[in-house]
């Protein structure tokens, strides 16, 4: 019986020694994030924004004096997919020795910008900033490998459409009076137009003074590329030899509010030669960006022919090849 207390004391010393070894070799318990607050909207997240967060808990043991705070961007609320690292930083905890160590008191702020992000996160945010519509994403945060907490944010802004011509051909670019040239073009808008519109087509002199309206081409609502297939324009035998311009003007009726209203024009050079001087038709003429046009596109669509008793140019069926 006299040996039992001694054995009990010895066993207690061994248990304490084992506990001390565990504590001295690794941190245990947890510091965790309990809240995170991101801005409600982030129209330009790469320009920088603040995330506020708070923590609780404690840590013990070797290495317990620091913790790793990390924030992520995710397309899902639980981080199950579409996850991108936004920011990670080691922070110091309050305490000494083997602990306990506690997180900073109160609300903390992390400033996040493109320089705190890896390249794939920057690329994703560039894509979201450029998107035509804003989208809901989640800012996730945690300390070390503890549970994630989240807050949602709206990234990007709604953007208006912007029409501009990306390609076009007038073939041939040299004709005789009474000749025919085939017009084609590609019109593009990355963001969707909410309503249908028209492309006005005009014959002008080299100074872009309108001689005649050739017609208007309907464009459906939506986004992407509208391709106008090669379509014949027939020119009157009364058209005088010289240099002309065939001008295109997108959204001629101004029915669509665009991000840039100054890039809607394009033109082709058209040369009309004397029959005696005509050689080969030559290569097609390519569409060029038009300068600021000195005419009202809508009014010009109903403007009568200048200096001729008949139409100088109009959309007609192309002659049947023989």
Foldseek 3Di string as FASTA:
>chain_A
DVCVVVVVVVVVVVVVVVVQVVQAPDKDKDKKWDDKDFDQAALPCQVKGKIKTDIWIWIFHPPRQKKKKWKWKAQDQQRPDRIFTFAIDIDGFDADDRDGTTHDDDMDMDMTHPVRGDPVVVVVLVVQSPDQAWDKMWMWMIIHPDGIDIDIHTYHHHAFWDKAWDKKWWPLQEEAAQDKTWIKTKIFTAFWFPAKAKKWKFKAAPLQDGQATAAIHIGGTTGGIDIDDTFMKTFHSPDDFDKIKIKIFTRLVVPTDHPDRFFRMKIWIHGYDHPVPDDDSDHITMIDTDHPHPDRSVVRNPDDGPPDPDDRIYTDHDDDDD
